PDB file of N, CA and C in Angstrom:
ATOM      1  N   MET A   1     167.994 178.780 -22.478  1.00  0.00           N
ATOM      2  CA  MET A   1     168.282 179.674 -21.380  1.00  0.00           C
ATOM      3  C   MET A   1     167.980 178.960 -20.059  1.00  0.00           C
ATOM      4  N   PRO A   2     168.942 178.868 -19.170  1.00  0.00           N
ATOM      5  CA  PRO A   2     168.700 178.184 -17.899  1.00  0.00           C
ATOM      6  C   PRO A   2     167.716 178.961 -17.014  1.00  0.00           C
ATOM      7  N   SER A   3     167.017 178.223 -16.183  1.00  0.00           N
ATOM      8  CA  SER A   3     166.090 178.855 -15.235  1.00  0.00           C
ATOM      9  C   SER A   3     166.883 179.636 -14.193  1.00  0.00           C
ATOM     10  N   PRO A   4     166.353 180.769 -13.715  1.00  0.00           N
ATOM     11  CA  PRO A   4     167.065 181.556 -12.708  1.00  0.00           C
ATOM     12  C   PRO A   4     167.315 180.748 -11.436  1.00  0.00           C
ATOM     13  N   ALA A   5     168.504 180.880 -10.888  1.00  0.00           N
ATOM     14  CA  ALA A   5     168.914 180.097  -9.717  1.00  0.00           C
ATOM     15  C   ALA A   5     168.396 180.686  -8.404  1.00  0.00           C
ATOM     16  N   ASP A   6     167.789 181.866  -8.433  1.00  0.00           N
ATOM     17  CA  ASP A   6     167.352 182.512  -7.200  1.00  0.00           C
ATOM     18  C   ASP A   6     165.932 182.146  -6.787  1.00  0.00           C
ATOM     19  N   ARG A   7     165.413 181.046  -7.326  1.00  0.00           N
ATOM     20  CA  ARG A   7     164.065 180.597  -6.991  1.00  0.00           C
ATOM     21  C   ARG A   7     164.003 179.085  -7.004  1.00  0.00           C
ATOM     22  N   VAL A   8     162.866 178.533  -6.590  1.00  0.00           N
ATOM     23  CA  VAL A   8     162.656 177.087  -6.608  1.00  0.00           C
ATOM     24  C   VAL A   8     161.509 176.767  -7.561  1.00  0.00           C
ATOM     25  N   TYR A   9     161.419 175.485  -7.936  1.00  0.00           N
ATOM     26  CA  TYR A   9     160.515 175.072  -9.011  1.00  0.00           C
ATOM     27  C   TYR A   9     159.703 173.844  -8.621  1.00  0.00           C
ATOM     28  N   THR A  10     158.538 173.700  -9.282  1.00  0.00           N
ATOM     29  CA  THR A  10     157.652 172.573  -9.006  1.00  0.00           C
ATOM     30  C   THR A  10     157.513 171.676 -10.237  1.00  0.00           C
ATOM     31  N   ASP A  11     156.981 170.486 -10.007  1.00  0.00           N
ATOM     32  CA  ASP A  11     156.709 169.562 -11.109  1.00  0.00           C
ATOM     33  C   ASP A  11     155.631 170.096 -12.043  1.00  0.00           C
ATOM     34  N   THR A  12     154.790 171.001 -11.539  1.00  0.00           N
ATOM     35  CA  THR A  12     153.711 171.562 -12.358  1.00  0.00           C
ATOM     36  C   THR A  12     154.123 172.882 -13.013  1.00  0.00           C
ATOM     37  N   HIS A  13     155.422 173.183 -12.986  1.00  0.00           N
ATOM     38  CA  HIS A  13     156.040 174.291 -13.728  1.00  0.00           C
ATOM     39  C   HIS A  13     155.748 175.689 -13.172  1.00  0.00           C
ATOM     40  N   GLU A  14     155.522 175.758 -11.864  1.00  0.00           N
ATOM     41  CA  GLU A  14     155.487 177.052 -11.203  1.00  0.00           C
ATOM     42  C   GLU A  14     156.846 177.304 -10.562  1.00  0.00           C
ATOM     43  N   TRP A  15     157.196 178.576 -10.407  1.00  0.00           N
ATOM     44  CA  TRP A  15     158.399 178.939  -9.666  1.00  0.00           C
ATOM     45  C   TRP A  15     157.994 179.792  -8.472  1.00  0.00           C
ATOM     46  N   MET A  16     158.844 179.787  -7.440  1.00  0.00           N
ATOM     47  CA  MET A  16     158.633 180.601  -6.251  1.00  0.00           C
ATOM     48  C   MET A  16     159.938 181.283  -5.876  1.00  0.00           C
ATOM     49  N   LYS A  17     159.809 182.520  -5.432  1.00  0.00           N
ATOM     50  CA  LYS A  17     160.984 183.290  -5.014  1.00  0.00           C
ATOM     51  C   LYS A  17     160.647 184.034  -3.730  1.00  0.00           C
ATOM     52  N   GLN A  18     161.456 183.815  -2.697  1.00  0.00           N
ATOM     53  CA  GLN A  18     161.268 184.534  -1.438  1.00  0.00           C
ATOM     54  C   GLN A  18     161.609 186.003  -1.652  1.00  0.00           C
ATOM     55  N   ASP A  19     160.719 186.892  -1.230  1.00  0.00           N
ATOM     56  CA  ASP A  19     160.930 188.337  -1.365  1.00  0.00           C
ATOM     57  C   ASP A  19     160.508 188.986  -0.054  1.00  0.00           C
ATOM     58  N   GLY A  20     161.420 189.036   0.905  1.00  0.00           N
ATOM     59  CA  GLY A  20     161.089 189.558   2.223  1.00  0.00           C
ATOM     60  C   GLY A  20     160.068 188.669   2.907  1.00  0.00           C
ATOM     61  N   ALA A  21     158.952 189.258   3.308  1.00  0.00           N
ATOM     62  CA  ALA A  21     157.900 188.507   3.991  1.00  0.00           C
ATOM     63  C   ALA A  21     156.947 187.821   3.015  1.00  0.00           C
ATOM     64  N   GLU A  22     157.179 187.986   1.739  1.00  0.00           N
ATOM     65  CA  GLU A  22     156.304 187.389   0.721  1.00  0.00           C
ATOM     66  C   GLU A  22     157.041 186.320  -0.078  1.00  0.00           C
ATOM     67  N   VAL A  23     156.247 185.492  -0.729  1.00  0.00           N
ATOM     68  CA  VAL A  23     156.764 184.555  -1.720  1.00  0.00           C
ATOM     69  C   VAL A  23     156.087 184.910  -3.040  1.00  0.00           C
ATOM     70  N   VAL A  24     156.890 185.237  -4.045  1.00  0.00           N
ATOM     71  CA  VAL A  24     156.372 185.585  -5.367  1.00  0.00           C
ATOM     72  C   VAL A  24     156.278 184.294  -6.177  1.00  0.00           C
ATOM     73  N   VAL A  25     155.190 184.150  -6.940  1.00  0.00           N
ATOM     74  CA  VAL A  25     154.913 182.926  -7.696  1.00  0.00           C
ATOM     75  C   VAL A  25     154.703 183.273  -9.164  1.00  0.00           C
ATOM     76  N   GLY A  26     155.216 182.422 -10.038  1.00  0.00           N
ATOM     77  CA  GLY A  26     155.012 182.595 -11.472  1.00  0.00           C
ATOM     78  C   GLY A  26     155.089 181.250 -12.174  1.00  0.00           C
ATOM     79  N   VAL A  27     155.086 181.274 -13.492  1.00  0.00           N
ATOM     80  CA  VAL A  27     155.219 180.050 -14.279  1.00  0.00           C
ATOM     81  C   VAL A  27     156.558 180.082 -15.006  1.00  0.00           C
ATOM     82  N   THR A  28     157.059 178.917 -15.321  1.00  0.00           N
ATOM     83  CA  THR A  28     158.386 178.790 -15.919  1.00  0.00           C
ATOM     84  C   THR A  28     158.379 179.030 -17.429  1.00  0.00           C
ATOM     85  N   GLN A  29     159.557 179.282 -17.942  1.00  0.00           N
ATOM     86  CA  GLN A  29     159.727 179.430 -19.391  1.00  0.00           C
ATOM     87  C   GLN A  29     159.335 178.134 -20.095  1.00  0.00           C
ATOM     88  N   PHE A  30     159.645 176.992 -19.482  1.00  0.00           N
ATOM     89  CA  PHE A  30     159.276 175.693 -20.044  1.00  0.00           C
ATOM     90  C   PHE A  30     157.757 175.623 -20.255  1.00  0.00           C
ATOM     91  N   ALA A  31     156.979 176.049 -19.254  1.00  0.00           N
ATOM     92  CA  ALA A  31     155.518 176.028 -19.353  1.00  0.00           C
ATOM     93  C   ALA A  31     155.029 176.978 -20.440  1.00  0.00           C
ATOM     94  N   VAL A  32     155.611 178.166 -20.470  1.00  0.00           N
ATOM     95  CA  VAL A  32     155.222 179.153 -21.482  1.00  0.00           C
ATOM     96  C   VAL A  32     155.523 178.624 -22.883  1.00  0.00           C
ATOM     97  N   ASN A  33     156.684 178.002 -23.052  1.00  0.00           N
ATOM     98  CA  ASN A  33     157.034 177.433 -24.361  1.00  0.00           C
ATOM     99  C   ASN A  33     156.058 176.338 -24.765  1.00  0.00           C
ATOM    100  N   ALA A  34     155.648 175.514 -23.810  1.00  0.00           N
ATOM    101  CA  ALA A  34     154.700 174.430 -24.101  1.00  0.00           C
ATOM    102  C   ALA A  34     153.329 174.987 -24.492  1.00  0.00           C
ATOM    103  N   LEU A  35     152.913 176.058 -23.833  1.00  0.00           N
ATOM    104  CA  LEU A  35     151.623 176.669 -24.159  1.00  0.00           C
ATOM    105  C   LEU A  35     151.689 177.456 -25.456  1.00  0.00           C
ATOM    106  N   SER A  36     152.729 178.200 -25.650  1.00  0.00           N
ATOM    107  CA  SER A  36     152.958 179.128 -26.770  1.00  0.00           C
ATOM    108  C   SER A  36     151.866 180.178 -26.875  1.00  0.00           C
ATOM    109  N   ASP A  37     152.280 181.402 -27.057  1.00  0.00           N
ATOM    110  CA  ASP A  37     151.393 182.545 -27.251  1.00  0.00           C
ATOM    111  C   ASP A  37     150.271 182.641 -26.210  1.00  0.00           C
ATOM    112  N   VAL A  38     150.649 182.986 -24.977  1.00  0.00           N
ATOM    113  CA  VAL A  38     149.672 183.163 -23.903  1.00  0.00           C
ATOM    114  C   VAL A  38     148.758 184.329 -24.262  1.00  0.00           C
ATOM    115  N   THR A  39     147.441 184.099 -24.115  1.00  0.00           N
ATOM    116  CA  THR A  39     146.450 185.105 -24.492  1.00  0.00           C
ATOM    117  C   THR A  39     145.566 185.561 -23.335  1.00  0.00           C
ATOM    118  N   TYR A  40     145.569 184.825 -22.220  1.00  0.00           N
ATOM    119  CA  TYR A  40     144.688 185.170 -21.103  1.00  0.00           C
ATOM    120  C   TYR A  40     145.266 184.599 -19.818  1.00  0.00           C
ATOM    121  N   VAL A  41     145.170 185.376 -18.740  1.00  0.00           N
ATOM    122  CA  VAL A  41     145.603 184.929 -17.417  1.00  0.00           C
ATOM    123  C   VAL A  41     144.505 185.283 -16.418  1.00  0.00           C
ATOM    124  N   ALA A  42     144.049 184.292 -15.652  1.00  0.00           N
ATOM    125  CA  ALA A  42     143.063 184.520 -14.585  1.00  0.00           C
ATOM    126  C   ALA A  42     143.774 184.347 -13.251  1.00  0.00           C
ATOM    127  N   LEU A  43     143.702 185.378 -12.403  1.00  0.00           N
ATOM    128  CA  LEU A  43     144.372 185.354 -11.108  1.00  0.00           C
ATOM    129  C   LEU A  43     143.364 185.667 -10.000  1.00  0.00           C
ATOM    130  N   PRO A  44     143.643 185.222  -8.771  1.00  0.00           N
ATOM    131  CA  PRO A  44     142.712 185.437  -7.660  1.00  0.00           C
ATOM    132  C   PRO A  44     142.806 186.856  -7.112  1.00  0.00           C
ATOM    133  N   PRO A  45     141.814 187.250  -6.323  1.00  0.00           N
ATOM    134  CA  PRO A  45     141.866 188.578  -5.706  1.00  0.00           C
ATOM    135  C   PRO A  45     142.822 188.602  -4.510  1.00  0.00           C
ATOM    136  N   VAL A  46     143.324 189.784  -4.196  1.00  0.00           N
ATOM    137  CA  VAL A  46     144.126 189.974  -2.990  1.00  0.00           C
ATOM    138  C   VAL A  46     143.264 189.587  -1.785  1.00  0.00           C
ATOM    139  N   GLY A  47     143.870 188.888  -0.833  1.00  0.00           N
ATOM    140  CA  GLY A  47     143.161 188.463   0.373  1.00  0.00           C
ATOM    141  C   GLY A  47     142.648 187.040   0.334  1.00  0.00           C
ATOM    142  N   LYS A  48     142.627 186.436  -0.846  1.00  0.00           N
ATOM    143  CA  LYS A  48     142.147 185.051  -0.970  1.00  0.00           C
ATOM    144  C   LYS A  48     143.168 184.106  -0.347  1.00  0.00           C
ATOM    145  N   LYS A  49     142.675 183.144   0.444  1.00  0.00           N
ATOM    146  CA  LYS A  49     143.538 182.162   1.100  1.00  0.00           C
ATOM    147  C   LYS A  49     143.519 180.854   0.319  1.00  0.00           C
ATOM    148  N   PHE A  50     144.692 180.206   0.268  1.00  0.00           N
ATOM    149  CA  PHE A  50     144.829 178.944  -0.446  1.00  0.00           C
ATOM    150  C   PHE A  50     145.579 177.928   0.395  1.00  0.00           C
ATOM    151  N   SER A  51     145.234 176.673   0.196  1.00  0.00           N
ATOM    152  CA  SER A  51     145.996 175.553   0.756  1.00  0.00           C
ATOM    153  C   SER A  51     147.084 175.185  -0.236  1.00  0.00           C
ATOM    154  N   ALA A  52     148.090 174.479   0.230  1.00  0.00           N
ATOM    155  CA  ALA A  52     149.152 174.014  -0.671  1.00  0.00           C
ATOM    156  C   ALA A  52     148.563 173.127  -1.757  1.00  0.00           C
ATOM    157  N   SER A  53     149.044 173.279  -2.966  1.00  0.00           N
ATOM    158  CA  SER A  53     148.650 172.503  -4.150  1.00  0.00           C
ATOM    159  C   SER A  53     147.266 172.847  -4.686  1.00  0.00           C
ATOM    160  N   GLU A  54     146.641 173.876  -4.163  1.00  0.00           N
ATOM    161  CA  GLU A  54     145.328 174.288  -4.642  1.00  0.00           C
ATOM    162  C   GLU A  54     145.471 175.119  -5.924  1.00  0.00           C
ATOM    163  N   VAL A  55     144.497 175.007  -6.826  1.00  0.00           N
ATOM    164  CA  VAL A  55     144.490 175.800  -8.053  1.00  0.00           C
ATOM    165  C   VAL A  55     144.238 177.254  -7.688  1.00  0.00           C
ATOM    166  N   PHE A  56     145.113 178.165  -8.184  1.00  0.00           N
ATOM    167  CA  PHE A  56     144.926 179.585  -7.882  1.00  0.00           C
ATOM    168  C   PHE A  56     144.617 180.414  -9.119  1.00  0.00           C
ATOM    169  N   GLY A  57     144.617 179.808 -10.296  1.00  0.00           N
ATOM    170  CA  GLY A  57     144.317 180.554 -11.506  1.00  0.00           C
ATOM    171  C   GLY A  57     144.511 179.698 -12.731  1.00  0.00           C
ATOM    172  N   GLU A  58     144.502 180.355 -13.891  1.00  0.00           N
ATOM    173  CA  GLU A  58     144.734 179.627 -15.130  1.00  0.00           C
ATOM    174  C   GLU A  58     145.399 180.528 -16.156  1.00  0.00           C
ATOM    175  N   VAL A  59     146.072 179.851 -17.084  1.00  0.00           N
ATOM    176  CA  VAL A  59     146.726 180.519 -18.202  1.00  0.00           C
ATOM    177  C   VAL A  59     146.158 179.897 -19.470  1.00  0.00           C
ATOM    178  N   GLU A  60     145.736 180.740 -20.397  1.00  0.00           N
ATOM    179  CA  GLU A  60     145.220 180.250 -21.674  1.00  0.00           C
ATOM    180  C   GLU A  60     146.137 180.716 -22.797  1.00  0.00           C
ATOM    181  N   SER A  61     146.239 179.862 -23.804  1.00  0.00           N
ATOM    182  CA  SER A  61     147.016 180.220 -24.989  1.00  0.00           C
ATOM    183  C   SER A  61     146.232 179.797 -26.214  1.00  0.00           C
ATOM    184  N   VAL A  62     146.828 180.004 -27.383  1.00  0.00           N
ATOM    185  CA  VAL A  62     146.171 179.580 -28.606  1.00  0.00           C
ATOM    186  C   VAL A  62     146.091 178.050 -28.671  1.00  0.00           C
ATOM    187  N   LYS A  63     146.920 177.353 -27.886  1.00  0.00           N
ATOM    188  CA  LYS A  63     146.955 175.892 -27.894  1.00  0.00           C
ATOM    189  C   LYS A  63     146.115 175.235 -26.813  1.00  0.00           C
ATOM    190  N   ALA A  64     146.126 175.800 -25.586  1.00  0.00           N
ATOM    191  CA  ALA A  64     145.533 175.088 -24.455  1.00  0.00           C
ATOM    192  C   ALA A  64     145.255 176.023 -23.291  1.00  0.00           C
ATOM    193  N   THR A  65     144.542 175.483 -22.307  1.00  0.00           N
ATOM    194  CA  THR A  65     144.345 176.152 -21.026  1.00  0.00           C
ATOM    195  C   THR A  65     145.031 175.304 -19.974  1.00  0.00           C
ATOM    196  N   SER A  66     145.758 175.960 -19.079  1.00  0.00           N
ATOM    197  CA  SER A  66     146.485 175.251 -18.038  1.00  0.00           C
ATOM    198  C   SER A  66     146.171 175.859 -16.685  1.00  0.00           C
ATOM    199  N   GLU A  67     145.873 175.006 -15.698  1.00  0.00           N
ATOM    200  CA  GLU A  67     145.628 175.486 -14.349  1.00  0.00           C
ATOM    201  C   GLU A  67     146.946 175.814 -13.669  1.00  0.00           C
ATOM    202  N   LEU A  68     146.897 176.774 -12.757  1.00  0.00           N
ATOM    203  CA  LEU A  68     148.055 177.173 -11.969  1.00  0.00           C
ATOM    204  C   LEU A  68     147.866 176.666 -10.547  1.00  0.00           C
ATOM    205  N   TYR A  69     148.901 176.057  -9.984  1.00  0.00           N
ATOM    206  CA  TYR A  69     148.826 175.482  -8.647  1.00  0.00           C
ATOM    207  C   TYR A  69     149.727 176.250  -7.693  1.00  0.00           C
ATOM    208  N   LEU A  70     149.190 176.602  -6.521  1.00  0.00           N
ATOM    209  CA  LEU A  70     149.986 177.281  -5.518  1.00  0.00           C
ATOM    210  C   LEU A  70     150.753 176.227  -4.724  1.00  0.00           C
ATOM    211  N   PRO A  71     152.072 176.231  -4.809  1.00  0.00           N
ATOM    212  CA  PRO A  71     152.863 175.172  -4.177  1.00  0.00           C
ATOM    213  C   PRO A  71     152.792 175.143  -2.655  1.00  0.00           C
ATOM    214  N   ILE A  72     152.584 176.302  -2.021  1.00  0.00           N
ATOM    215  CA  ILE A  72     152.517 176.365  -0.564  1.00  0.00           C
ATOM    216  C   ILE A  72     151.271 177.127  -0.138  1.00  0.00           C
ATOM    217  N   ALA A  73     150.823 176.896   1.087  1.00  0.00           N
ATOM    218  CA  ALA A  73     149.642 177.581   1.602  1.00  0.00           C
ATOM    219  C   ALA A  73     149.967 179.038   1.882  1.00  0.00           C
ATOM    220  N   GLY A  74     148.970 179.897   1.696  1.00  0.00           N
ATOM    221  CA  GLY A  74     149.179 181.308   1.992  1.00  0.00           C
ATOM    222  C   GLY A  74     148.003 182.163   1.565  1.00  0.00           C
ATOM    223  N   THR A  75     148.144 183.455   1.786  1.00  0.00           N
ATOM    224  CA  THR A  75     147.125 184.435   1.446  1.00  0.00           C
ATOM    225  C   THR A  75     147.693 185.383   0.394  1.00  0.00           C
ATOM    226  N   VAL A  76     146.942 185.616  -0.660  1.00  0.00           N
ATOM    227  CA  VAL A  76     147.393 186.484  -1.742  1.00  0.00           C
ATOM    228  C   VAL A  76     147.550 187.909  -1.209  1.00  0.00           C
ATOM    229  N   SER A  77     148.766 188.454  -1.350  1.00  0.00           N
ATOM    230  CA  SER A  77     149.037 189.816  -0.884  1.00  0.00           C
ATOM    231  C   SER A  77     149.161 190.812  -2.038  1.00  0.00           C
ATOM    232  N   ARG A  78     149.541 190.316  -3.213  1.00  0.00           N
ATOM    233  CA  ARG A  78     149.630 191.165  -4.411  1.00  0.00           C
ATOM    234  C   ARG A  78     149.312 190.315  -5.637  1.00  0.00           C
ATOM    235  N   VAL A  79     148.749 190.970  -6.656  1.00  0.00           N
ATOM    236  CA  VAL A  79     148.452 190.331  -7.942  1.00  0.00           C
ATOM    237  C   VAL A  79     149.061 191.211  -9.029  1.00  0.00           C
ATOM    238  N   ASN A  80     149.674 190.600 -10.026  1.00  0.00           N
ATOM    239  CA  ASN A  80     150.288 191.354 -11.115  1.00  0.00           C
ATOM    240  C   ASN A  80     149.213 191.754 -12.128  1.00  0.00           C
ATOM    241  N   ALA A  81     148.627 192.918 -11.921  1.00  0.00           N
ATOM    242  CA  ALA A  81     147.569 193.416 -12.804  1.00  0.00           C
ATOM    243  C   ALA A  81     148.088 193.684 -14.210  1.00  0.00           C
ATOM    244  N   THR A  82     149.376 193.976 -14.342  1.00  0.00           N
ATOM    245  CA  THR A  82     149.966 194.213 -15.660  1.00  0.00           C
ATOM    246  C   THR A  82     149.850 192.969 -16.530  1.00  0.00           C
ATOM    247  N   VAL A  83     150.107 191.811 -15.950  1.00  0.00           N
ATOM    248  CA  VAL A  83     150.002 190.549 -16.692  1.00  0.00           C
ATOM    249  C   VAL A  83     148.548 190.242 -17.036  1.00  0.00           C
ATOM    250  N   GLN A  84     147.639 190.567 -16.136  1.00  0.00           N
ATOM    251  CA  GLN A  84     146.225 190.350 -16.446  1.00  0.00           C
ATOM    252  C   GLN A  84     145.795 191.216 -17.625  1.00  0.00           C
ATOM    253  N   GLY A  85     146.290 192.429 -17.695  1.00  0.00           N
ATOM    254  CA  GLY A  85     145.949 193.327 -18.793  1.00  0.00           C
ATOM    255  C   GLY A  85     146.683 193.016 -20.085  1.00  0.00           C
ATOM    256  N   ASP A  86     147.886 192.450 -19.967  1.00  0.00           N
ATOM    257  CA  ASP A  86     148.703 192.127 -21.133  1.00  0.00           C
ATOM    258  C   ASP A  86     149.379 190.766 -20.925  1.00  0.00           C
ATOM    259  N   PRO A  87     148.622 189.669 -21.082  1.00  0.00           N
ATOM    260  CA  PRO A  87     149.151 188.334 -20.819  1.00  0.00           C
ATOM    261  C   PRO A  87     150.366 187.965 -21.673  1.00  0.00           C
ATOM    262  N   ALA A  88     150.565 188.642 -22.781  1.00  0.00           N
ATOM    263  CA  ALA A  88     151.706 188.341 -23.651  1.00  0.00           C
ATOM    264  C   ALA A  88     153.043 188.591 -22.954  1.00  0.00           C
ATOM    265  N   ILE A  89     153.024 189.331 -21.855  1.00  0.00           N
ATOM    266  CA  ILE A  89     154.254 189.535 -21.077  1.00  0.00           C
ATOM    267  C   ILE A  89     154.853 188.192 -20.679  1.00  0.00           C
ATOM    268  N   LEU A  90     154.005 187.226 -20.397  1.00  0.00           N
ATOM    269  CA  LEU A  90     154.514 185.889 -20.022  1.00  0.00           C
ATOM    270  C   LEU A  90     155.344 185.274 -21.140  1.00  0.00           C
ATOM    271  N   ASN A  91     154.998 185.549 -22.377  1.00  0.00           N
ATOM    272  CA  ASN A  91     155.739 184.976 -23.505  1.00  0.00           C
ATOM    273  C   ASN A  91     157.182 185.460 -23.538  1.00  0.00           C
ATOM    274  N   SER A  92     157.400 186.706 -23.146  1.00  0.00           N
ATOM    275  CA  SER A  92     158.737 187.288 -23.256  1.00  0.00           C
ATOM    276  C   SER A  92     159.506 187.357 -21.937  1.00  0.00           C
ATOM    277  N   ASP A  93     158.813 187.395 -20.790  1.00  0.00           N
ATOM    278  CA  ASP A  93     159.511 187.589 -19.520  1.00  0.00           C
ATOM    279  C   ASP A  93     158.785 186.931 -18.344  1.00  0.00           C
ATOM    280  N   PRO A  94     158.700 185.595 -18.329  1.00  0.00           N
ATOM    281  CA  PRO A  94     157.950 184.929 -17.261  1.00  0.00           C
ATOM    282  C   PRO A  94     158.604 185.006 -15.882  1.00  0.00           C
ATOM    283  N   TYR A  95     159.887 185.348 -15.810  1.00  0.00           N
ATOM    284  CA  TYR A  95     160.591 185.338 -14.529  1.00  0.00           C
ATOM    285  C   TYR A  95     160.665 186.691 -13.834  1.00  0.00           C
ATOM    286  N   GLU A  96     160.462 187.776 -14.532  1.00  0.00           N
ATOM    287  CA  GLU A  96     160.552 189.096 -13.901  1.00  0.00           C
ATOM    288  C   GLU A  96     159.230 189.843 -14.072  1.00  0.00           C
ATOM    289  N   ALA A  97     159.014 190.474 -15.205  1.00  0.00           N
ATOM    290  CA  ALA A  97     157.787 191.247 -15.423  1.00  0.00           C
ATOM    291  C   ALA A  97     156.547 190.353 -15.404  1.00  0.00           C
ATOM    292  N   GLY A  98     156.717 189.068 -15.695  1.00  0.00           N
ATOM    293  CA  GLY A  98     155.591 188.142 -15.777  1.00  0.00           C
ATOM    294  C   GLY A  98     155.260 187.396 -14.503  1.00  0.00           C
ATOM    295  N   TRP A  99     155.745 187.856 -13.344  1.00  0.00           N
ATOM    296  CA  TRP A  99     155.333 187.207 -12.096  1.00  0.00           C
ATOM    297  C   TRP A  99     153.814 187.272 -11.998  1.00  0.00           C
ATOM    298  N   LEU A 100     153.201 186.354 -11.246  1.00  0.00           N
ATOM    299  CA  LEU A 100     151.744 186.297 -11.205  1.00  0.00           C
ATOM    300  C   LEU A 100     151.149 186.826  -9.902  1.00  0.00           C
ATOM    301  N   ILE A 101     151.529 186.213  -8.775  1.00  0.00           N
ATOM    302  CA  ILE A 101     151.002 186.642  -7.478  1.00  0.00           C
ATOM    303  C   ILE A 101     152.114 186.618  -6.439  1.00  0.00           C
ATOM    304  N   ALA A 102     151.877 187.332  -5.364  1.00  0.00           N
ATOM    305  CA  ALA A 102     152.731 187.241  -4.176  1.00  0.00           C
ATOM    306  C   ALA A 102     151.822 186.808  -3.037  1.00  0.00           C
ATOM    307  N   ILE A 103     152.362 185.961  -2.176  1.00  0.00           N
ATOM    308  CA  ILE A 103     151.573 185.485  -1.041  1.00  0.00           C
ATOM    309  C   ILE A 103     152.317 185.713   0.263  1.00  0.00           C
ATOM    310  N   LYS A 104     151.547 185.842   1.321  1.00  0.00           N
ATOM    311  CA  LYS A 104     152.076 185.841   2.683  1.00  0.00           C
ATOM    312  C   LYS A 104     151.828 184.433   3.211  1.00  0.00           C
ATOM    313  N   THR A 105     152.859 183.876   3.827  1.00  0.00           N
ATOM    314  CA  THR A 105     152.749 182.519   4.333  1.00  0.00           C
ATOM    315  C   THR A 105     153.509 182.397   5.640  1.00  0.00           C
ATOM    316  N   ASP A 106     153.032 181.522   6.505  1.00  0.00           N
ATOM    317  CA  ASP A 106     153.716 181.285   7.780  1.00  0.00           C
ATOM    318  C   ASP A 106     154.832 180.265   7.639  1.00  0.00           C
ATOM    319  N   ALA A 107     154.678 179.361   6.691  1.00  0.00           N
ATOM    320  CA  ALA A 107     155.625 178.247   6.583  1.00  0.00           C
ATOM    321  C   ALA A 107     156.131 178.108   5.152  1.00  0.00           C
ATOM    322  N   ALA A 108     157.102 178.915   4.791  1.00  0.00           N
ATOM    323  CA  ALA A 108     157.651 178.859   3.434  1.00  0.00           C
ATOM    324  C   ALA A 108     158.906 177.995   3.416  1.00  0.00           C
ATOM    325  N   ASP A 109     158.716 176.671   3.495  1.00  0.00           N
ATOM    326  CA  ASP A 109     159.853 175.750   3.443  1.00  0.00           C
ATOM    327  C   ASP A 109     160.165 175.456   1.985  1.00  0.00           C
ATOM    328  N   MET A 110     161.129 176.164   1.454  1.00  0.00           N
ATOM    329  CA  MET A 110     161.470 176.044   0.042  1.00  0.00           C
ATOM    330  C   MET A 110     162.346 174.831  -0.255  1.00  0.00           C
ATOM    331  N   SER A 111     162.849 174.165   0.759  1.00  0.00           N
ATOM    332  CA  SER A 111     163.768 173.041   0.536  1.00  0.00           C
ATOM    333  C   SER A 111     163.081 171.827  -0.085  1.00  0.00           C
ATOM    334  N   ALA A 112     161.760 171.783  -0.047  1.00  0.00           N
ATOM    335  CA  ALA A 112     161.032 170.645  -0.606  1.00  0.00           C
ATOM    336  C   ALA A 112     160.886 170.727  -2.130  1.00  0.00           C
ATOM    337  N   PHE A 113     161.328 171.833  -2.721  1.00  0.00           N
ATOM    338  CA  PHE A 113     161.144 172.049  -4.154  1.00  0.00           C
ATOM    339  C   PHE A 113     162.462 171.935  -4.908  1.00  0.00           C
ATOM    340  N   MET A 114     162.383 171.860  -6.222  1.00  0.00           N
ATOM    341  CA  MET A 114     163.572 171.690  -7.052  1.00  0.00           C
ATOM    342  C   MET A 114     164.363 172.988  -7.184  1.00  0.00           C
ATOM    343  N   THR A 115     165.679 172.844  -7.249  1.00  0.00           N
ATOM    344  CA  THR A 115     166.540 173.969  -7.592  1.00  0.00           C
ATOM    345  C   THR A 115     166.434 174.184  -9.107  1.00  0.00           C
ATOM    346  N   ALA A 116     166.980 175.278  -9.590  1.00  0.00           N
ATOM    347  CA  ALA A 116     166.982 175.543 -11.030  1.00  0.00           C
ATOM    348  C   ALA A 116     167.704 174.434 -11.784  1.00  0.00           C
ATOM    349  N   THR A 117     168.816 173.984 -11.258  1.00  0.00           N
ATOM    350  CA  THR A 117     169.592 172.915 -11.915  1.00  0.00           C
ATOM    351  C   THR A 117     168.769 171.635 -12.001  1.00  0.00           C
ATOM    352  N   GLU A 118     168.114 171.270 -10.908  1.00  0.00           N
ATOM    353  CA  GLU A 118     167.279 170.062 -10.902  1.00  0.00           C
ATOM    354  C   GLU A 118     166.101 170.196 -11.869  1.00  0.00           C
ATOM    355  N   TYR A 119     165.454 171.367 -11.853  1.00  0.00           N
ATOM    356  CA  TYR A 119     164.314 171.590 -12.744  1.00  0.00           C
ATOM    357  C   TYR A 119     164.742 171.520 -14.215  1.00  0.00           C
ATOM    358  N   ASP A 120     165.828 172.204 -14.549  1.00  0.00           N
ATOM    359  CA  ASP A 120     166.296 172.207 -15.928  1.00  0.00           C
ATOM    360  C   ASP A 120     166.692 170.810 -16.385  1.00  0.00           C
ATOM    361  N   ALA A 121     167.348 170.039 -15.523  1.00  0.00           N
ATOM    362  CA  ALA A 121     167.737 168.678 -15.887  1.00  0.00           C
ATOM    363  C   ALA A 121     166.506 167.812 -16.135  1.00  0.00           C
ATOM    364  N   LYS A 122     165.501 167.975 -15.318  1.00  0.00           N
ATOM    365  CA  LYS A 122     164.276 167.183 -15.460  1.00  0.00           C
ATOM    366  C   LYS A 122     163.526 167.541 -16.738  1.00  0.00           C
ATOM    367  N   ASN A 123     163.601 168.800 -17.131  1.00  0.00           N
ATOM    368  CA  ASN A 123     162.851 169.279 -18.292  1.00  0.00           C
ATOM    369  C   ASN A 123     163.709 169.524 -19.520  1.00  0.00           C
ATOM    370  N   GLU A 124     164.947 169.065 -19.462  1.00  0.00           N
ATOM    371  CA  GLU A 124     165.881 169.118 -20.602  1.00  0.00           C
ATOM    372  C   GLU A 124     165.992 170.495 -21.213  1.00  0.00           C
ATOM    373  N   LEU A 125     166.209 171.489 -20.365  1.00  0.00           N
ATOM    374  CA  LEU A 125     166.395 172.847 -20.875  1.00  0.00           C
ATOM    375  C   LEU A 125     167.846 173.071 -21.222  1.00  0.00           C
TER     376      LEU A 125
END
């Protein structure tokens, strides 16, 4: 299944989607497949500020634990509490119901990141 074209992607397998004044962040299907069976998600509180490339949380599975990196600087405006309560949502729907956080940012230059086509080609999806 190709990655959705309405967002951008990072080398560390996070995706970002502009949503009005916010940028929604999640992890890719490729990352979820590599982890397999996500069992735990740790996310930051609303209001926490991050620099670009800073770790903002982690995802654990039966295989491994993986850190989550925030691709751009910003302040957490929303957290997906549903995913925290039921991390298995990431296994089935990482692009919609499985979003992780939304941030407010002053400088959301998405052109520095990969398109879906570029990401899929790099990761052989």
